[in-house]
């Protein structure tokens, strides 16, 4: 699996900088799509995971700066509730 390229955005001075990567974890496709669109437009690089297994694999491989987690996704939040 090839490592995805990071999107770049420009700061107020116009200098390019790497965007923060966010993994969105949800088995609700519509919610995931909406949240990813919002984050993409805000300049973040987004990746999606629809299960606990996918999320763990992506976090280990991509090393995101943030994970947005739907606690009702496939047992992920059972120990947190």
Protein backbone atom coordinates (compact mmCIF):
# COMPACT_ATOMS: atom_id res chain seq x y z
CA UNK A 1 0.00 0.00 0.00
CA UNK A 2 1.52 3.30 -1.07
CA UNK A 3 1.65 6.08 1.49
CA UNK A 4 -0.88 8.80 0.54
CA UNK A 5 0.47 12.22 -0.37
CA UNK A 6 -0.37 15.05 1.97
CA UNK A 7 -2.33 18.00 0.69
CA UNK A 8 -0.67 21.35 1.16
CA UNK A 9 -2.28 24.65 2.04
CA UNK A 10 -0.94 28.16 2.39
CA UNK A 11 -0.76 30.10 5.62
CA UNK A 12 -1.52 33.81 5.94
CA UNK A 13 1.91 34.75 4.56
CA UNK A 14 1.42 32.46 1.55
CA UNK A 15 3.98 29.86 2.59
CA UNK A 16 3.01 26.27 1.89
CA UNK A 17 2.74 23.96 4.89
CA UNK A 18 1.69 20.34 5.33
CA UNK A 19 -1.90 19.81 6.46
CA UNK A 20 -2.76 17.88 9.57
CA UNK A 21 -4.09 14.39 8.90
CA UNK A 22 -7.39 13.33 10.48
CA UNK A 23 -8.85 9.80 10.46
CA UNK A 24 -12.65 9.80 10.69
CA UNK A 25 -14.05 6.55 12.11
CA UNK A 26 -17.75 5.87 11.56
CA UNK A 27 -19.90 3.12 10.10
CA UNK A 28 -22.48 5.77 9.09
CA UNK A 29 -21.42 6.62 5.53
CA UNK A 30 -23.43 9.85 5.32
CA UNK A 31 -22.06 11.28 8.56
CA UNK A 32 -18.54 10.27 7.60
CA UNK A 33 -18.85 11.88 4.15
CA UNK A 34 -20.20 15.13 5.60
CA UNK A 35 -17.53 15.40 8.26
CA UNK A 36 -14.75 14.61 5.78
CA UNK A 37 -16.02 17.30 3.40
CA UNK A 38 -16.06 19.87 6.18
CA UNK A 39 -12.55 18.94 7.30
CA UNK A 40 -11.23 18.84 3.71
CA UNK A 41 -12.55 22.35 3.07
CA UNK A 42 -10.88 23.51 6.27
CA UNK A 43 -7.55 22.29 4.90
CA UNK A 44 -7.19 18.95 6.66
CA UNK A 45 -6.18 15.70 4.98
CA UNK A 46 -8.88 13.16 5.81
CA UNK A 47 -8.97 9.38 5.73
CA UNK A 48 -11.97 7.20 6.54
CA UNK A 49 -12.40 3.99 8.48
CA UNK A 50 -15.70 2.13 8.76
CA UNK A 51 -14.63 -0.34 11.45
CA UNK A 52 -12.39 -0.76 14.46
CA UNK A 53 -10.00 -2.92 12.44
CA UNK A 54 -9.72 -0.36 9.62
CA UNK A 55 -9.18 2.44 12.13
CA UNK A 56 -6.36 0.62 13.92
CA UNK A 57 -4.64 -0.20 10.62
CA UNK A 58 -4.90 3.38 9.37
CA UNK A 59 -3.73 4.93 12.62
CA UNK A 60 -0.73 2.62 12.68
CA UNK A 61 0.16 3.29 9.05
CA UNK A 62 -0.79 6.95 8.56
CA UNK A 63 0.09 8.34 12.00
CA UNK A 64 -2.65 11.01 11.98
CA UNK A 65 -2.57 14.05 14.22
CA UNK A 66 -6.22 13.47 15.17
CA UNK A 67 -8.83 10.69 15.16
CA UNK A 68 -12.53 11.58 15.15
CA UNK A 69 -14.41 8.60 16.52
CA UNK A 70 -18.08 7.62 16.42
CA UNK A 71 -18.43 5.66 19.66
CA UNK A 72 -21.29 3.58 18.21
CA UNK A 73 -19.11 2.15 15.43
CA UNK A 74 -18.68 -1.61 15.67
CA UNK A 75 -17.94 -1.93 19.37
CA UNK A 76 -15.20 0.69 19.45
CA UNK A 77 -16.76 2.71 22.24
CA UNK A 78 -18.07 -0.15 24.37
CA UNK A 79 -15.30 0.20 26.95
CA UNK A 80 -15.59 4.00 26.97
CA UNK A 81 -19.30 4.25 27.73
